[in-house]
Amino acid sequence: MEEKRVIPKTLPGFMELLPGEQILFNQMREKIQKSYERFGFLPLDTPIIEYSQVLLAKAGGETEKQIYRFQKGDNDISLRFDLTVPLAKYVSMNYHELTFPFKRYQIGKVFRGEKPQKGRYRELYQCDIDIIGDGELSNIHDAEIPCVIYTTFKELGFDYFTIYINNRKILNGFFEALNITKKSVEILRIIDKIDKIGKEKVEKELQELELSENIIESIMQFILIQGSNEQKIAKLKEMNIQNELYLSGVKELEEVLGYIEALGVPEEYYQVDLKIVRGLDYYTGTVYETFFNDYRSLGSICSGGRYDNLAEFYTDKKLPGVGISIGLTRLFYKLNEQNMIQVKKSSIADVLVVPVDVDVKEGLKIASILRENKINTDVFSSEKKMKAKLKYADKLKIPYVLLVGEEELNTKKFTLKNMETGEQIKDSLEKIIQKIKG
């Protein structure tokens, strides 16, 4: 009886890449990791699967609906939906073994059962950094984060981006001074949409909250304050708002800007923006959003901020922190879609060894010597014409082809062909190794 074949297909919302794209993706991931490590962040790799009661300690609403949750034996378990909750669990469990401030990075997959759509995935890589304090955490670390963002995106090869910075205390204190704290969450949600829907629609939605015209005008003037970073701070001070939360926020923001300058980040790469809100029920101080200047429609490419207590659902210890996340899967998709990145390699090999009318074992021996010298090497072992062998190397964009024939083995001088320029040289294996390594 003939077996019925299964049609191969991938679940919607899961990214699979061709080899060249995967090489490019891996290169981006490695550059992000190296950038994080340059600032002293320690690696962490928490389990993909956690106990549901641990993972869902804080979750609710839409988040809980999107979690992949299942039963295995007696265990109620779930796939992690971000890297922050597992970090909170980890720090709580290992509190006495960790040195604070605890700086960690984690690059790994998270899973969200949301409706898949263009550029949004159910399985995605996140690249997170967080700095966790024990009881307190200096504002210097709030300044360190933009420096990491700047360094990381420069390493990735991008020049035209801006890190927008705000402090949640400023807006919350401003609302307290206007006696509209009860409506602050709704107001913040509306303000957060201004870049998408525009000033007029924001004003209209604020009117629907039954706010007076004077209040709406004050809010709009406040969030749209213009000028350099220094001028914006000066204008915030000149408003003479005598609210403790507001004054604390302005002071913190000014301090953070001073530290960012000291860290050497050019001012054209960071900007105070009083419209930046971020995580209404989570962030409590400095907040960040990063955009490509010419591609604002891509949305924030890196965001995060300061929070008061990372692990309040797991421990009585007060663990303030600051961190950011790069959604690498979504970012890669968007960059690819906009042709902002290009696949340049289809192979990891630097050289293809091609035996010519000799036993393939001779080619394998040469390949072993090259690999011992840290050169990524492939061997063409099929019996094909030279044209087909060179075509294989060309299609995979392998930079060099090394010919191994009877003459080469006798003279100990091998032919190396540069596949990009067509140039050929004949030299000893030692000299050829130096040539490949540059």
Protein backbone atom coordinates (compact mmCIF):
# COMPACT_ATOMS: atom_id res chain seq x y z
CA MET A 1 0.00 0.00 0.00
CA GLU A 2 1.40 3.37 -1.04
CA GLU A 3 2.01 5.77 1.82
CA LYS A 4 0.28 9.13 1.58
CA ARG A 5 2.75 11.99 1.47
CA VAL A 6 2.41 14.88 3.88
CA ILE A 7 2.43 18.35 2.36
CA PRO A 8 5.38 20.24 3.92
CA LYS A 9 4.30 23.55 5.43
CA THR A 10 5.27 25.84 8.31
CA LEU A 11 2.82 27.23 10.85
CA PRO A 12 1.83 30.87 10.20
CA GLY A 13 3.79 33.35 12.32
CA PHE A 14 7.05 31.39 12.37
CA MET A 15 10.08 32.68 10.46
CA GLU A 16 12.17 30.35 8.31
CA LEU A 17 15.00 31.84 6.26
CA LEU A 18 17.07 30.76 3.29
CA PRO A 19 20.77 30.11 4.11
CA GLY A 20 21.98 33.54 2.95
CA GLU A 21 19.31 35.30 5.00
CA GLN A 22 20.08 33.11 8.03
CA ILE A 23 23.78 33.98 7.78
CA LEU A 24 22.86 37.69 7.74
CA PHE A 25 20.45 37.21 10.67
CA ASN A 26 23.16 35.40 12.66
CA GLN A 27 25.68 38.15 11.91
CA MET A 28 23.26 40.77 13.27
CA ARG A 29 22.63 38.68 16.39
CA GLU A 30 26.38 38.23 16.98
CA LYS A 31 27.04 41.98 16.59
CA ILE A 32 24.31 42.75 19.13
CA GLN A 33 25.78 40.20 21.55
CA LYS A 34 29.31 41.59 21.19
CA SER A 35 28.03 45.12 21.72
CA TYR A 36 26.23 44.07 24.93
CA GLU A 37 29.33 42.27 26.20
CA ARG A 38 31.48 45.34 25.54
CA PHE A 39 29.53 47.10 28.31
CA GLY A 40 30.08 44.28 30.78
CA PHE A 41 26.69 42.60 30.54
CA LEU A 42 26.72 38.96 31.63
CA PRO A 43 25.08 36.21 29.54
CA LEU A 44 21.94 34.49 30.78
CA ASP A 45 19.90 31.72 29.22
CA THR A 46 16.65 30.90 31.02
CA PRO A 47 14.38 27.96 30.04
CA ILE A 48 11.90 28.39 27.20
CA ILE A 49 9.33 26.46 29.26
CA GLU A 50 8.36 27.61 32.77
CA TYR A 51 5.76 26.66 35.36
CA SER A 52 2.58 28.54 34.44
CA GLN A 53 2.08 29.89 37.97
CA VAL A 54 5.56 31.45 37.83
CA LEU A 55 5.21 32.85 34.33
CA LEU A 56 1.69 34.17 34.86
CA ALA A 57 2.24 35.76 38.28
CA LYS A 58 1.74 39.25 36.82
CA ALA A 59 0.14 38.46 33.46
CA GLY A 60 -3.45 39.26 32.66
CA GLY A 61 -5.76 40.44 29.89
CA GLU A 62 -4.39 40.09 26.36
CA THR A 63 -1.01 38.79 27.55
CA GLU A 64 -2.58 35.79 29.25
CA LYS A 65 -4.69 35.02 26.18
CA GLN A 66 -1.59 34.94 23.98
CA ILE A 67 0.42 32.52 26.12
CA TYR A 68 1.03 28.97 24.89
CA ARG A 69 -0.05 26.93 27.91
CA PHE A 70 -0.37 23.16 28.19
CA GLN A 71 -0.36 20.20 30.57
CA LYS A 72 2.44 17.59 30.58
CA GLY A 73 1.90 14.90 33.17
CA ASP A 74 1.08 16.68 36.43
CA ASN A 75 2.77 19.90 35.36
CA ASP A 76 0.94 23.03 34.19
CA ILE A 77 3.56 24.68 31.98
CA SER A 78 3.83 27.57 29.50
CA LEU A 79 6.21 28.90 26.86
CA ARG A 80 7.85 32.17 27.89
CA PHE A 81 6.27 35.25 26.26
CA ASP A 82 9.14 37.65 27.08
CA LEU A 83 12.56 37.58 28.74
CA THR A 84 11.74 39.94 31.62
CA VAL A 85 9.52 37.64 33.70
CA PRO A 86 12.09 34.79 33.55
CA LEU A 87 14.73 37.34 34.62
CA ALA A 88 12.61 38.32 37.61
CA LYS A 89 12.28 34.66 38.61
CA TYR A 90 16.02 34.09 38.13
CA VAL A 91 17.10 37.09 40.21
CA SER A 92 14.68 36.13 43.00
CA MET A 93 15.97 32.55 43.09
CA ASN A 94 19.66 33.48 42.91
CA TYR A 95 19.61 36.73 44.89
CA HIS A 96 22.30 35.64 47.38
CA GLU A 97 24.65 34.41 44.63
CA LEU A 98 24.44 37.51 42.42
CA THR A 99 26.52 40.68 42.57
CA PHE A 100 24.55 43.92 42.29
CA PRO A 101 24.07 45.92 40.23
CA PHE A 102 23.44 42.79 38.18
CA LYS A 103 23.95 43.43 34.46
CA ARG A 104 22.68 40.69 32.19
CA TYR A 105 21.91 40.21 28.53
CA GLN A 106 19.78 37.49 27.03
CA ILE A 107 19.15 36.74 23.37
CA GLY A 108 16.53 34.09 22.82
CA LYS A 109 13.18 33.07 21.43
CA VAL A 110 9.86 34.02 23.00
CA PHE A 111 6.39 32.83 21.97
CA ARG A 112 3.15 34.76 21.59
CA GLY A 113 -0.05 33.22 20.33
CA GLU A 114 -1.31 36.41 18.72
CA LYS A 115 -2.89 36.60 15.29
CA PRO A 116 -0.03 36.42 12.75
CA GLN A 117 0.20 39.30 10.33
CA LYS A 118 2.80 40.97 8.16
CA GLY A 119 5.91 41.60 10.24
CA ARG A 120 4.44 40.11 13.44
CA TYR A 121 5.41 36.64 14.56
CA ARG A 122 4.35 34.02 17.09
CA GLU A 123 7.96 32.92 17.58
CA LEU A 124 10.50 35.73 17.77
CA TYR A 125 14.00 36.52 18.94
CA GLN A 126 14.41 39.21 21.58
CA CYS A 127 17.74 40.78 22.51
CA ASP A 128 17.42 42.17 26.04
CA ILE A 129 19.69 43.94 28.50
CA ASP A 130 18.77 44.86 32.06
CA ILE A 131 20.63 46.36 35.00
CA ILE A 132 19.12 45.36 38.35
CA GLY A 133 19.90 47.13 41.62
CA ASP A 134 19.56 45.90 45.18
CA GLY A 135 17.33 48.45 46.90
CA GLU A 136 18.58 51.32 44.72
CA LEU A 137 20.05 51.93 41.28
CA SER A 138 22.05 54.98 40.17
CA ASN A 139 20.79 57.17 37.31
CA ILE A 140 24.16 56.60 35.67
CA HIS A 141 22.76 53.28 34.47
CA ASP A 142 19.81 55.07 32.85
CA ALA A 143 22.43 56.94 30.79
CA GLU A 144 24.40 53.79 30.03
CA ILE A 145 21.41 52.30 28.17
CA PRO A 146 21.32 54.93 25.35
CA CYS A 147 25.08 54.50 25.01
CA VAL A 148 24.55 50.75 24.45
CA ILE A 149 21.76 51.48 21.92
CA TYR A 150 24.01 53.95 20.06
CA THR A 151 26.96 51.53 19.98
CA THR A 152 24.81 48.57 18.94
CA PHE A 153 23.11 50.21 15.97
CA LYS A 154 26.40 51.74 14.84
CA GLU A 155 27.91 48.23 14.94
CA LEU A 156 24.98 47.00 12.85
CA GLY A 157 25.94 49.59 10.24
CA PHE A 158 23.19 52.19 10.74
CA ASP A 159 23.91 55.92 10.89
CA TYR A 160 20.57 57.72 10.84
CA PHE A 161 18.62 56.93 13.98
CA THR A 162 17.49 58.83 17.06
CA ILE A 163 17.03 57.66 20.65
CA TYR A 164 14.06 59.55 22.15
CA ILE A 165 14.12 59.94 25.94
CA ASN A 166 11.58 61.02 28.53
CA ASN A 167 10.89 60.50 32.22
CA ARG A 168 7.46 59.22 33.27
CA LYS A 169 7.59 61.25 36.49
CA ILE A 170 7.49 64.50 34.50
CA LEU A 171 4.18 63.75 32.81
CA ASN A 172 2.64 62.18 35.92
CA GLY A 173 3.69 65.17 38.03
CA PHE A 174 2.38 67.56 35.38
CA PHE A 175 -1.01 65.79 35.49
CA GLU A 176 -1.02 66.00 39.29
CA ALA A 177 -0.41 69.75 39.05
CA LEU A 178 -3.40 70.05 36.67
CA ASN A 179 -5.57 67.87 38.99
CA ILE A 180 -6.28 65.32 36.22
CA THR A 181 -4.48 62.32 37.75
CA LYS A 182 -7.64 60.17 37.64
CA LYS A 183 -7.65 60.41 33.86
CA SER A 184 -3.86 60.19 33.44
CA VAL A 185 -3.81 56.62 32.05
CA GLU A 186 -6.36 57.47 29.32
CA ILE A 187 -4.53 60.73 28.54
CA LEU A 188 -1.20 58.92 28.22
CA ARG A 189 -2.71 56.33 25.88
CA ILE A 190 -3.98 59.13 23.64
CA ILE A 191 -0.70 61.09 23.75
CA ASP A 192 1.18 57.92 22.79
CA LYS A 193 -0.72 57.88 19.46
CA ILE A 194 0.17 61.41 18.34
CA ASP A 195 2.79 60.34 15.78
CA LYS A 196 0.31 57.89 14.23
CA ILE A 197 -2.92 59.90 14.23
CA GLY A 198 -1.68 63.52 14.39
CA LYS A 199 -2.22 66.54 16.66
CA GLU A 200 -5.85 67.28 15.67
CA LYS A 201 -7.12 63.74 16.33
CA VAL A 202 -5.30 63.66 19.67
CA GLU A 203 -7.03 66.91 20.68
CA LYS A 204 -10.38 65.45 19.61
CA GLU A 205 -9.86 62.30 21.69
CA LEU A 206 -8.83 64.43 24.69
CA GLN A 207 -12.10 66.39 24.30
CA GLU A 208 -13.99 63.08 24.54
CA LEU A 209 -12.48 62.68 28.04
CA GLU A 210 -14.42 65.84 28.96
CA LEU A 211 -11.27 67.84 29.63
CA SER A 212 -11.56 71.64 29.45
CA GLU A 213 -10.09 73.54 26.49
CA ASN A 214 -7.51 75.16 28.77
CA ILE A 215 -6.37 71.78 30.08
CA ILE A 216 -6.13 70.33 26.54
CA GLU A 217 -4.18 73.37 25.37
CA SER A 218 -1.80 73.05 28.35
CA ILE A 219 -1.24 69.34 27.60
CA MET A 220 -0.58 69.93 23.89
CA GLN A 221 1.81 72.84 24.52
CA PHE A 222 3.62 70.76 27.11
CA ILE A 223 4.20 67.61 25.05
CA LEU A 224 5.20 69.61 21.96
CA ILE A 225 7.91 71.73 23.65
CA GLN A 226 10.62 72.38 21.05
CA GLY A 227 14.34 73.13 21.16
CA SER A 228 17.62 71.40 21.98
CA ASN A 229 17.82 69.03 24.93
CA GLU A 230 19.27 71.82 27.07
CA GLN A 231 16.53 74.25 25.97
CA LYS A 232 13.78 71.73 26.73
CA ILE A 233 15.11 71.18 30.26
CA ALA A 234 15.28 74.97 30.74
CA LYS A 235 11.66 75.35 29.55
CA LEU A 236 10.51 72.57 31.91
CA LYS A 237 12.12 74.44 34.80
CA GLU A 238 10.71 77.80 33.69
CA MET A 239 7.15 76.43 33.95
CA ASN A 240 7.57 76.80 37.72
CA ILE A 241 5.46 73.71 38.49
CA GLN A 242 5.79 73.08 42.22
CA ASN A 243 5.03 69.37 42.20
CA GLU A 244 7.46 67.00 43.89
CA LEU A 245 7.08 64.19 41.32
CA TYR A 246 7.46 66.62 38.41
CA LEU A 247 10.59 68.25 39.88
CA SER A 248 12.10 64.84 40.62
CA GLY A 249 11.50 63.77 37.00
CA VAL A 250 13.06 66.93 35.54
CA LYS A 251 16.09 66.57 37.85
CA GLU A 252 16.55 62.90 36.89
CA LEU A 253 16.23 63.64 33.18
CA GLU A 254 18.80 66.45 33.41
CA GLU A 255 21.21 64.16 35.26
CA VAL A 256 20.77 61.37 32.72
CA LEU A 257 21.45 63.77 29.82
CA GLY A 258 24.65 64.90 31.54
CA TYR A 259 25.84 61.31 31.95
CA ILE A 260 24.98 60.46 28.32
CA GLU A 261 27.13 63.39 27.19
CA ALA A 262 29.97 62.18 29.45
CA LEU A 263 29.69 58.71 27.86
CA GLY A 264 30.45 60.28 24.49
CA VAL A 265 27.16 59.77 22.64
CA PRO A 266 26.85 62.54 19.99
CA GLU A 267 23.86 64.78 20.76
CA GLU A 268 22.33 64.33 17.30
CA TYR A 269 21.60 60.71 18.27
CA TYR A 270 19.47 61.37 21.36
CA GLN A 271 16.63 63.77 21.99
CA VAL A 272 14.23 64.63 24.80
CA ASP A 273 10.67 63.90 23.65
CA LEU A 274 7.88 64.51 26.16
CA LYS A 275 5.45 62.42 24.07
CA ILE A 276 7.33 59.19 24.80
CA VAL A 277 5.24 57.20 27.26
CA ARG A 278 6.03 53.42 27.13
CA GLY A 279 4.40 50.68 29.28
CA LEU A 280 1.79 52.58 31.24
CA ASP A 281 1.60 50.12 34.12
CA TYR A 282 5.29 49.16 34.20
CA TYR A 283 7.83 51.95 33.64
CA THR A 284 8.25 54.51 36.40
CA GLY A 285 11.16 56.75 35.38
CA THR A 286 13.35 57.13 32.30
CA VAL A 287 11.86 55.71 29.09
CA TYR A 288 13.38 55.22 25.63
CA GLU A 289 12.23 54.65 22.07
CA THR A 290 14.55 54.44 19.08
CA PHE A 291 13.57 55.16 15.46
CA PHE A 292 15.29 55.20 12.08
CA ASN A 293 15.09 58.84 10.99
CA ASP A 294 13.99 58.08 7.43
CA TYR A 295 11.82 55.09 8.29
CA ARG A 296 9.57 56.18 11.15
CA SER A 297 6.86 53.91 9.74
CA LEU A 298 8.91 50.90 10.91
CA GLY A 299 8.02 51.86 14.47
CA SER A 300 10.37 51.74 17.45
CA ILE A 301 13.37 49.50 16.77
CA CYS A 302 14.52 49.43 20.39
CA SER A 303 12.62 50.50 23.51
CA GLY A 304 12.50 50.18 27.28
CA GLY A 305 12.97 52.11 30.48
CA ARG A 306 13.28 52.27 34.27
CA TYR A 307 11.01 50.25 36.57
CA ASP A 308 10.69 50.32 40.35
CA ASN A 309 10.59 46.67 41.30
CA LEU A 310 11.48 43.82 38.96
CA ALA A 311 10.48 40.88 41.15
CA GLU A 312 7.63 42.11 43.37
CA PHE A 313 5.61 38.94 42.67
CA TYR A 314 8.42 36.63 43.81
CA THR A 315 10.24 38.36 46.68
CA ASP A 316 9.99 41.11 49.30
CA LYS A 317 13.36 42.46 48.16
CA LYS A 318 13.12 45.79 46.30
CA LEU A 319 14.91 45.30 42.97
CA PRO A 320 14.74 48.40 40.75
CA GLY A 321 16.01 48.08 37.21
CA VAL A 322 16.44 49.64 33.80
CA GLY A 323 16.54 47.85 30.47
CA ILE A 324 15.75 47.70 26.79
CA SER A 325 14.78 45.12 24.20
CA ILE A 326 15.44 44.73 20.47
CA GLY A 327 12.84 42.56 18.73
CA LEU A 328 15.33 41.06 16.28
CA THR A 329 12.92 38.88 14.27
CA ARG A 330 10.55 41.76 13.54
CA LEU A 331 13.44 44.18 12.95
CA PHE A 332 15.09 41.79 10.48
CA TYR A 333 11.82 41.34 8.60
CA LYS A 334 11.23 45.09 8.37
CA LEU A 335 14.81 45.88 7.30
CA ASN A 336 14.63 43.17 4.64
CA GLU A 337 11.27 44.43 3.42
CA GLN A 338 12.64 47.98 3.03
CA ASN A 339 15.86 46.72 1.35
CA MET A 340 17.87 48.33 4.16
CA ILE A 341 19.96 45.15 4.47
CA GLN A 342 21.29 42.87 1.73
CA VAL A 343 22.34 39.24 1.71
CA LYS A 344 26.02 39.16 0.77
CA LYS A 345 26.92 35.58 1.63
CA SER A 346 25.23 32.31 0.72
CA SER A 347 27.92 30.17 2.32
CA ILE A 348 30.02 30.20 5.46
CA ALA A 349 33.04 28.77 3.58
CA ASP A 350 35.93 31.10 2.70
CA VAL A 351 37.46 28.63 0.26
CA LEU A 352 36.30 25.67 -1.81
CA VAL A 353 38.92 22.94 -2.32
CA VAL A 354 38.49 21.34 -5.76
CA PRO A 355 40.36 18.07 -6.49
CA VAL A 356 41.31 17.91 -10.19
CA ASP A 357 41.84 14.38 -11.58
CA VAL A 358 43.21 13.16 -8.25
CA ASP A 359 41.81 11.07 -5.43
CA VAL A 360 39.36 13.15 -3.36
CA LYS A 361 41.37 12.16 -0.26
CA GLU A 362 44.12 14.57 -1.41
CA GLY A 363 41.59 17.40 -1.34
CA LEU A 364 40.39 16.33 2.10
CA LYS A 365 43.97 16.46 3.44
CA ILE A 366 44.46 20.01 2.13
CA ALA A 367 41.07 21.04 3.57
CA SER A 368 42.13 19.77 7.01
CA ILE A 369 45.29 21.92 6.91
CA LEU A 370 43.23 25.00 6.00
CA ARG A 371 40.75 24.34 8.82
CA GLU A 372 43.62 23.93 11.29
CA ASN A 373 44.58 27.47 10.25
CA LYS A 374 41.07 28.77 11.16
CA ILE A 375 39.89 29.02 7.54
CA ASN A 376 36.30 27.92 6.86
CA THR A 377 36.68 25.32 4.13
CA ASP A 378 34.40 23.23 1.93
CA VAL A 379 35.43 20.41 -0.46
CA PHE A 380 33.79 19.70 -3.80
CA SER A 381 33.68 15.91 -3.85
CA SER A 382 31.35 15.17 -6.80
CA GLU A 383 32.67 14.01 -10.16
CA LYS A 384 31.71 16.98 -12.32
CA LYS A 385 33.30 19.18 -14.97
CA MET A 386 35.37 22.18 -13.86
CA LYS A 387 32.68 24.58 -15.09
CA ALA A 388 30.13 23.00 -12.72
CA LYS A 389 32.58 23.15 -9.81
CA LEU A 390 33.27 26.84 -10.33
CA LYS A 391 29.55 27.53 -10.78
CA TYR A 392 28.91 25.89 -7.39
CA ALA A 393 31.42 28.24 -5.72
CA ASP A 394 30.06 31.26 -7.60
CA LYS A 395 26.44 30.52 -6.70
CA LEU A 396 27.31 30.25 -3.00
CA LYS A 397 29.55 33.35 -3.24
CA ILE A 398 32.55 31.45 -1.86
CA PRO A 399 35.45 33.93 -2.22
CA TYR A 400 38.19 31.49 -3.22
CA VAL A 401 38.63 28.19 -5.07
CA LEU A 402 41.78 26.15 -4.39
CA LEU A 403 42.69 23.64 -7.12
CA VAL A 404 44.42 20.42 -6.05
CA GLY A 405 45.78 18.39 -8.97
CA GLU A 406 48.71 16.11 -9.81
CA GLU A 407 50.97 19.04 -10.69
CA GLU A 408 50.09 20.94 -7.49
CA LEU A 409 50.82 17.90 -5.33
CA ASN A 410 54.19 17.29 -7.05
CA THR A 411 55.40 20.93 -6.99
CA LYS A 412 53.76 21.82 -3.65
CA LYS A 413 52.46 24.96 -5.36
CA PHE A 414 48.68 25.29 -5.51
CA THR A 415 46.40 27.36 -7.71
CA LEU A 416 44.12 29.82 -5.88
CA LYS A 417 41.36 31.56 -7.85
CA ASN A 418 39.66 34.73 -6.57
CA MET A 419 36.03 34.21 -7.59
CA GLU A 420 35.17 37.89 -7.48
CA THR A 421 38.06 39.28 -9.57
CA GLY A 422 38.97 36.16 -11.55
CA GLU A 423 42.62 36.60 -10.51
CA GLN A 424 44.67 33.38 -10.15
CA ILE A 425 47.94 32.86 -8.27
CA LYS A 426 50.14 29.80 -7.83
CA ASP A 427 52.06 29.53 -4.58
CA SER A 428 52.93 27.40 -1.58
CA LEU A 429 50.13 26.40 0.77
CA GLU A 430 51.66 28.59 3.51
CA LYS A 431 51.57 31.69 1.28
CA ILE A 432 48.05 30.84 0.10
CA ILE A 433 46.87 30.56 3.71
CA GLN A 434 48.30 34.05 4.38
CA LYS A 435 46.58 35.37 1.26
CA ILE A 436 43.15 33.98 2.27
CA LYS A 437 43.47 35.26 5.81
CA GLY A 438 44.42 38.68 4.44
